[in-house]
Amino acid sequence: MRWWVLRDGRQVEVTARRFENAWEITLDGSPQRVELLSIHPGLSALCFPDGRNYGVASQRLARDRWRVSLAQRTFEVHLHDPLERVVAPAAAAHAGPHEVRAPIPGRVVSVAVAEGDEVQAGQALLVLEAMKMENQLCAEGAGKVERVLVAPGATVEGGQVLVVVQ
C-alpha cells in the first residue's frame, strides 16, 4: 500500500507492507519494521525491534482522516491516494465551507475565534478537553469563520460540528 500523508501541513510519502505479524513502514524513504498489535478497537500497541513500545489511539474522523495519539502527542492525519497528488493543488483551491468537528466527546475549554474572523491554515480555533487531555483544533486552510457553534464550558459529542470556516 502506498500513500502520501498530509500531517501538520507537511506532505510525507508512506508505504506499508505486511510480513506475517509485522509491518514494514517507509516514511519518506526511511524503512522501519514494526509490529502493530490490536488491543481494543481504536487502541493498539506499536512495538519496535529495539524494545521501544508505544500505545496508539486512533479515531476515524472521515473516510481518509484520522486523529492519532502516539507517545503523548495527538495529531490529525489525512491519507491521500498517490493519484490525488496531481489534483491536490486544484482541490485545495476549492471554495466551500469546512466544518471543524469534535474528534471525540469532550468539553470545550476555550474558543479562540469569533464569527467573521479571518484564519490561516494551522491557526488554533478552539481547545477541546477529552480523556483528561487538551486538544487544540486548528483550521485546515485559510478562510473566514462563518459560524461558531459552541462556547467555553459546552459539552460536545464526537462528530459534532463546532466551527464552520468558509
C-alpha atoms as a PDB file:
ATOM      1  CA  MET A   1       0.000   0.000   0.000  1.00  0.00           C
ATOM      2  CA  ARG A   2       1.300   3.433  -0.846  1.00  0.00           C
ATOM      3  CA  TRP A   3       0.014   6.848   0.192  1.00  0.00           C
ATOM      4  CA  TRP A   4       1.107  10.328   0.830  1.00  0.00           C
ATOM      5  CA  VAL A   5       0.024  11.781   4.130  1.00  0.00           C
ATOM      6  CA  LEU A   6      -0.619  15.414   4.955  1.00  0.00           C
ATOM      7  CA  ARG A   7       0.418  15.740   8.594  1.00  0.00           C
ATOM      8  CA  ASP A   8       0.730  19.076  10.385  1.00  0.00           C
ATOM      9  CA  GLY A   9       0.814  20.809   6.998  1.00  0.00           C
ATOM     10  CA  ARG A  10       3.717  18.657   5.758  1.00  0.00           C
ATOM     11  CA  GLN A  11       3.434  16.072   2.993  1.00  0.00           C
ATOM     12  CA  VAL A  12       5.011  12.664   3.757  1.00  0.00           C
ATOM     13  CA  GLU A  13       5.333   9.626   1.452  1.00  0.00           C
ATOM     14  CA  VAL A  14       4.195   6.431   3.210  1.00  0.00           C
ATOM     15  CA  THR A  15       4.328   2.819   2.095  1.00  0.00           C
ATOM     16  CA  ALA A  16       3.211  -0.154   4.170  1.00  0.00           C
ATOM     17  CA  ARG A  17       3.900  -3.825   3.502  1.00  0.00           C
ATOM     18  CA  ARG A  18       2.730  -6.644   5.731  1.00  0.00           C
ATOM     19  CA  PHE A  19       5.097  -9.513   6.644  1.00  0.00           C
ATOM     20  CA  GLU A  20       3.214 -12.121   8.709  1.00  0.00           C
ATOM     21  CA  ASN A  21       2.931 -10.443  12.148  1.00  0.00           C
ATOM     22  CA  ALA A  22       4.971  -7.354  11.271  1.00  0.00           C
ATOM     23  CA  TRP A  23       4.731  -4.321   9.007  1.00  0.00           C
ATOM     24  CA  GLU A  24       7.459  -2.547   7.107  1.00  0.00           C
ATOM     25  CA  ILE A  25       6.552   1.129   7.118  1.00  0.00           C
ATOM     26  CA  THR A  26       8.560   3.520   4.959  1.00  0.00           C
ATOM     27  CA  LEU A  27       8.266   7.239   5.684  1.00  0.00           C
ATOM     28  CA  ASP A  28       9.904   9.462   3.068  1.00  0.00           C
ATOM     29  CA  GLY A  29      12.249   6.631   2.019  1.00  0.00           C
ATOM     30  CA  SER A  30      13.262   5.579   5.554  1.00  0.00           C
ATOM     31  CA  PRO A  31      12.068   1.990   6.282  1.00  0.00           C
ATOM     32  CA  GLN A  32      11.114   0.789   9.760  1.00  0.00           C
ATOM     33  CA  ARG A  33       9.850  -2.664  10.707  1.00  0.00           C
ATOM     34  CA  VAL A  34       7.201  -2.642  13.452  1.00  0.00           C
ATOM     35  CA  GLU A  35       4.529  -4.829  14.993  1.00  0.00           C
ATOM     36  CA  LEU A  36       1.095  -3.341  15.473  1.00  0.00           C
ATOM     37  CA  LEU A  37      -0.917  -5.309  17.996  1.00  0.00           C
ATOM     38  CA  SER A  38      -4.617  -4.539  18.293  1.00  0.00           C
ATOM     39  CA  ILE A  39      -5.682  -4.257  21.935  1.00  0.00           C
ATOM     40  CA  HIS A  40      -9.192  -2.866  21.517  1.00  0.00           C
ATOM     41  CA  PRO A  41     -10.970  -1.072  18.655  1.00  0.00           C
ATOM     42  CA  GLY A  42      -9.116   2.234  18.301  1.00  0.00           C
ATOM     43  CA  LEU A  43      -6.281   1.188  20.630  1.00  0.00           C
ATOM     44  CA  SER A  44      -3.097  -0.632  19.585  1.00  0.00           C
ATOM     45  CA  ALA A  45       0.457  -1.242  20.725  1.00  0.00           C
ATOM     46  CA  LEU A  46       3.256  -0.242  18.353  1.00  0.00           C
ATOM     47  CA  CYS A  47       6.337  -2.400  19.009  1.00  0.00           C
ATOM     48  CA  PHE A  48       9.810  -1.758  17.566  1.00  0.00           C
ATOM     49  CA  PRO A  49      12.550  -4.417  17.330  1.00  0.00           C
ATOM     50  CA  ASP A  50      14.805  -2.397  19.672  1.00  0.00           C
ATOM     51  CA  GLY A  51      12.270  -2.796  22.518  1.00  0.00           C
ATOM     52  CA  ARG A  52      10.532   0.572  22.248  1.00  0.00           C
ATOM     53  CA  ASN A  53       6.755   0.229  22.647  1.00  0.00           C
ATOM     54  CA  TYR A  54       4.054   2.871  22.322  1.00  0.00           C
ATOM     55  CA  GLY A  55       0.339   2.953  22.873  1.00  0.00           C
ATOM     56  CA  VAL A  56      -1.522   4.224  19.808  1.00  0.00           C
ATOM     57  CA  ALA A  57      -5.080   5.512  19.992  1.00  0.00           C
ATOM     58  CA  SER A  58      -6.833   6.280  16.738  1.00  0.00           C
ATOM     59  CA  GLN A  59     -10.220   7.567  15.754  1.00  0.00           C
ATOM     60  CA  ARG A  60     -11.555   7.660  12.221  1.00  0.00           C
ATOM     61  CA  LEU A  61     -12.946  11.131  11.503  1.00  0.00           C
ATOM     62  CA  ALA A  62     -13.825  10.591   7.843  1.00  0.00           C
ATOM     63  CA  ARG A  63     -13.037   8.155   5.033  1.00  0.00           C
ATOM     64  CA  ASP A  64      -9.459   9.447   4.730  1.00  0.00           C
ATOM     65  CA  ARG A  65      -8.950  11.374   8.003  1.00  0.00           C
ATOM     66  CA  TRP A  66      -7.776  10.041  11.353  1.00  0.00           C
ATOM     67  CA  ARG A  67      -6.930  11.531  14.739  1.00  0.00           C
ATOM     68  CA  VAL A  68      -3.972   9.647  16.184  1.00  0.00           C
ATOM     69  CA  SER A  69      -2.435   9.851  19.666  1.00  0.00           C
ATOM     70  CA  LEU A  70       1.085   8.465  19.955  1.00  0.00           C
ATOM     71  CA  ALA A  71       3.613   8.994  22.761  1.00  0.00           C
ATOM     72  CA  GLN A  72       1.588  11.789  24.405  1.00  0.00           C
ATOM     73  CA  ARG A  73       1.200  13.656  21.102  1.00  0.00           C
ATOM     74  CA  THR A  74      -2.066  13.969  19.222  1.00  0.00           C
ATOM     75  CA  PHE A  75      -2.264  14.857  15.553  1.00  0.00           C
ATOM     76  CA  GLU A  76      -4.606  14.566  12.620  1.00  0.00           C
ATOM     77  CA  VAL A  77      -3.602  12.556   9.560  1.00  0.00           C
ATOM     78  CA  HIS A  78      -5.120  12.837   6.096  1.00  0.00           C
ATOM     79  CA  LEU A  79      -4.452   9.850   3.846  1.00  0.00           C
ATOM     80  CA  HIS A  80      -4.349  10.509   0.132  1.00  0.00           C
ATOM     81  CA  ASP A  81      -4.074   8.086  -2.755  1.00  0.00           C
ATOM     82  CA  PRO A  82      -0.885   8.747  -4.809  1.00  0.00           C
ATOM     83  CA  LEU A  83      -3.016   9.683  -7.829  1.00  0.00           C
ATOM     84  CA  GLU A  84      -4.554  12.526  -5.832  1.00  0.00           C
ATOM     85  CA  ARG A  85      -1.162  14.261  -5.682  1.00  0.00           C
ATOM     86  CA  VAL A  86      -1.761  15.625  -9.165  1.00  0.00           C
ATOM     87  CA  VAL A  87      -5.162  17.086  -8.321  1.00  0.00           C
ATOM     88  CA  ALA A  88      -4.418  18.209  -4.739  1.00  0.00           C
ATOM     89  CA  PRO A  89      -3.471  21.815  -5.618  1.00  0.00           C
ATOM     90  CA  ALA A  90      -6.757  22.258  -7.502  1.00  0.00           C
ATOM     91  CA  ALA A  91      -8.719  20.646  -4.667  1.00  0.00           C
ATOM     92  CA  ALA A  92      -7.093  22.986  -2.157  1.00  0.00           C
ATOM     93  CA  ALA A  93      -8.386  25.937  -4.150  1.00  0.00           C
ATOM     94  CA  HIS A  94     -11.965  24.594  -3.958  1.00  0.00           C
ATOM     95  CA  ALA A  95     -14.243  27.125  -2.320  1.00  0.00           C
ATOM     96  CA  GLY A  96     -16.755  25.944   0.217  1.00  0.00           C
ATOM     97  CA  PRO A  97     -17.345  25.652   3.916  1.00  0.00           C
ATOM     98  CA  HIS A  98     -15.136  23.438   6.051  1.00  0.00           C
ATOM     99  CA  GLU A  99     -16.734  22.008   9.174  1.00  0.00           C
ATOM    100  CA  VAL A 100     -14.476  21.515  12.174  1.00  0.00           C
ATOM    101  CA  ARG A 101     -15.937  18.619  14.140  1.00  0.00           C
ATOM    102  CA  ALA A 102     -15.231  17.238  17.588  1.00  0.00           C
ATOM    103  CA  PRO A 103     -12.961  14.210  17.102  1.00  0.00           C
ATOM    104  CA  ILE A 104     -14.244  12.665  20.348  1.00  0.00           C
ATOM    105  CA  PRO A 105     -16.748  13.614  23.066  1.00  0.00           C
ATOM    106  CA  GLY A 106     -15.437  16.269  25.420  1.00  0.00           C
ATOM    107  CA  ARG A 107     -15.762  19.731  26.911  1.00  0.00           C
ATOM    108  CA  VAL A 108     -14.878  22.992  25.161  1.00  0.00           C
ATOM    109  CA  VAL A 109     -12.172  24.713  27.231  1.00  0.00           C
ATOM    110  CA  SER A 110     -11.760  27.839  25.113  1.00  0.00           C
ATOM    111  CA  VAL A 111     -12.723  29.327  21.760  1.00  0.00           C
ATOM    112  CA  ALA A 112     -10.030  31.420  20.040  1.00  0.00           C
ATOM    113  CA  VAL A 113     -12.113  32.820  17.152  1.00  0.00           C
ATOM    114  CA  ALA A 114     -15.366  34.632  16.543  1.00  0.00           C
ATOM    115  CA  GLU A 115     -17.703  34.759  13.571  1.00  0.00           C
ATOM    116  CA  GLY A 116     -16.202  36.935  10.836  1.00  0.00           C
ATOM    117  CA  ASP A 117     -12.560  36.342  11.881  1.00  0.00           C
ATOM    118  CA  GLU A 118     -10.050  35.585   9.117  1.00  0.00           C
ATOM    119  CA  VAL A 119      -7.978  32.466   9.884  1.00  0.00           C
ATOM    120  CA  GLN A 120      -4.886  30.858   8.365  1.00  0.00           C
ATOM    121  CA  ALA A 121      -4.106  27.156   7.906  1.00  0.00           C
ATOM    122  CA  GLY A 122      -2.988  25.693  11.223  1.00  0.00           C
ATOM    123  CA  GLN A 123      -4.405  28.539  13.305  1.00  0.00           C
ATOM    124  CA  ALA A 124      -5.984  27.433  16.593  1.00  0.00           C
ATOM    125  CA  LEU A 125      -9.779  27.646  16.606  1.00  0.00           C
ATOM    126  CA  LEU A 126     -10.618  26.110  19.963  1.00  0.00           C
ATOM    127  CA  VAL A 127      -9.405  23.779  22.693  1.00  0.00           C
ATOM    128  CA  LEU A 128     -11.351  20.625  23.499  1.00  0.00           C
ATOM    129  CA  GLU A 129     -10.702  18.628  26.673  1.00  0.00           C
ATOM    130  CA  ALA A 130     -11.245  14.898  26.283  1.00  0.00           C
ATOM    131  CA  MET A 131      -9.933  11.989  28.339  1.00  0.00           C
ATOM    132  CA  LYS A 132      -8.052  14.443  30.612  1.00  0.00           C
ATOM    133  CA  MET A 133      -6.109  15.845  27.641  1.00  0.00           C
ATOM    134  CA  GLU A 134      -6.493  19.223  25.987  1.00  0.00           C
ATOM    135  CA  ASN A 135      -6.672  19.004  22.185  1.00  0.00           C
ATOM    136  CA  GLN A 136      -6.188  22.111  20.089  1.00  0.00           C
ATOM    137  CA  LEU A 137      -8.359  22.050  16.963  1.00  0.00           C
ATOM    138  CA  CYS A 138      -6.956  24.099  14.097  1.00  0.00           C
ATOM    139  CA  ALA A 139      -8.099  25.439  10.745  1.00  0.00           C
ATOM    140  CA  GLU A 140      -7.197  23.175   7.829  1.00  0.00           C
ATOM    141  CA  GLY A 141      -6.916  26.105   5.463  1.00  0.00           C
ATOM    142  CA  ALA A 142      -7.219  29.857   5.227  1.00  0.00           C
ATOM    143  CA  GLY A 143     -10.704  31.312   5.322  1.00  0.00           C
ATOM    144  CA  LYS A 144     -13.274  33.295   7.229  1.00  0.00           C
ATOM    145  CA  VAL A 145     -15.101  31.930  10.274  1.00  0.00           C
ATOM    146  CA  GLU A 146     -18.706  31.632   9.190  1.00  0.00           C
ATOM    147  CA  ARG A 147     -20.172  30.165  12.390  1.00  0.00           C
ATOM    148  CA  VAL A 148     -19.032  29.299  15.899  1.00  0.00           C
ATOM    149  CA  LEU A 149     -21.500  26.768  17.284  1.00  0.00           C
ATOM    150  CA  VAL A 150     -20.059  26.257  20.784  1.00  0.00           C
ATOM    151  CA  ALA A 151     -18.947  28.275  23.782  1.00  0.00           C
ATOM    152  CA  PRO A 152     -16.440  27.563  26.570  1.00  0.00           C
ATOM    153  CA  GLY A 153     -17.825  25.022  29.004  1.00  0.00           C
ATOM    154  CA  ALA A 154     -20.054  23.312  26.429  1.00  0.00           C
ATOM    155  CA  THR A 155     -20.136  19.517  26.402  1.00  0.00           C
ATOM    156  CA  VAL A 156     -19.947  18.091  22.873  1.00  0.00           C
ATOM    157  CA  GLU A 157     -20.385  14.697  21.233  1.00  0.00           C
ATOM    158  CA  GLY A 158     -17.884  13.107  18.864  1.00  0.00           C
ATOM    159  CA  GLY A 159     -18.545  14.281  15.314  1.00  0.00           C
ATOM    160  CA  GLN A 160     -20.482  17.362  16.408  1.00  0.00           C
ATOM    161  CA  VAL A 161     -19.846  20.473  14.266  1.00  0.00           C
ATOM    162  CA  LEU A 162     -18.030  23.113  16.352  1.00  0.00           C
ATOM    163  CA  VAL A 163     -16.893  25.766  13.864  1.00  0.00           C
ATOM    164  CA  VAL A 164     -17.581  26.385  10.170  1.00  0.00           C
ATOM    165  CA  VAL A 165     -14.888  28.120   8.102  1.00  0.00           C
ATOM    166  CA  GLN A 166     -15.714  29.458   4.618  1.00  0.00           C
END
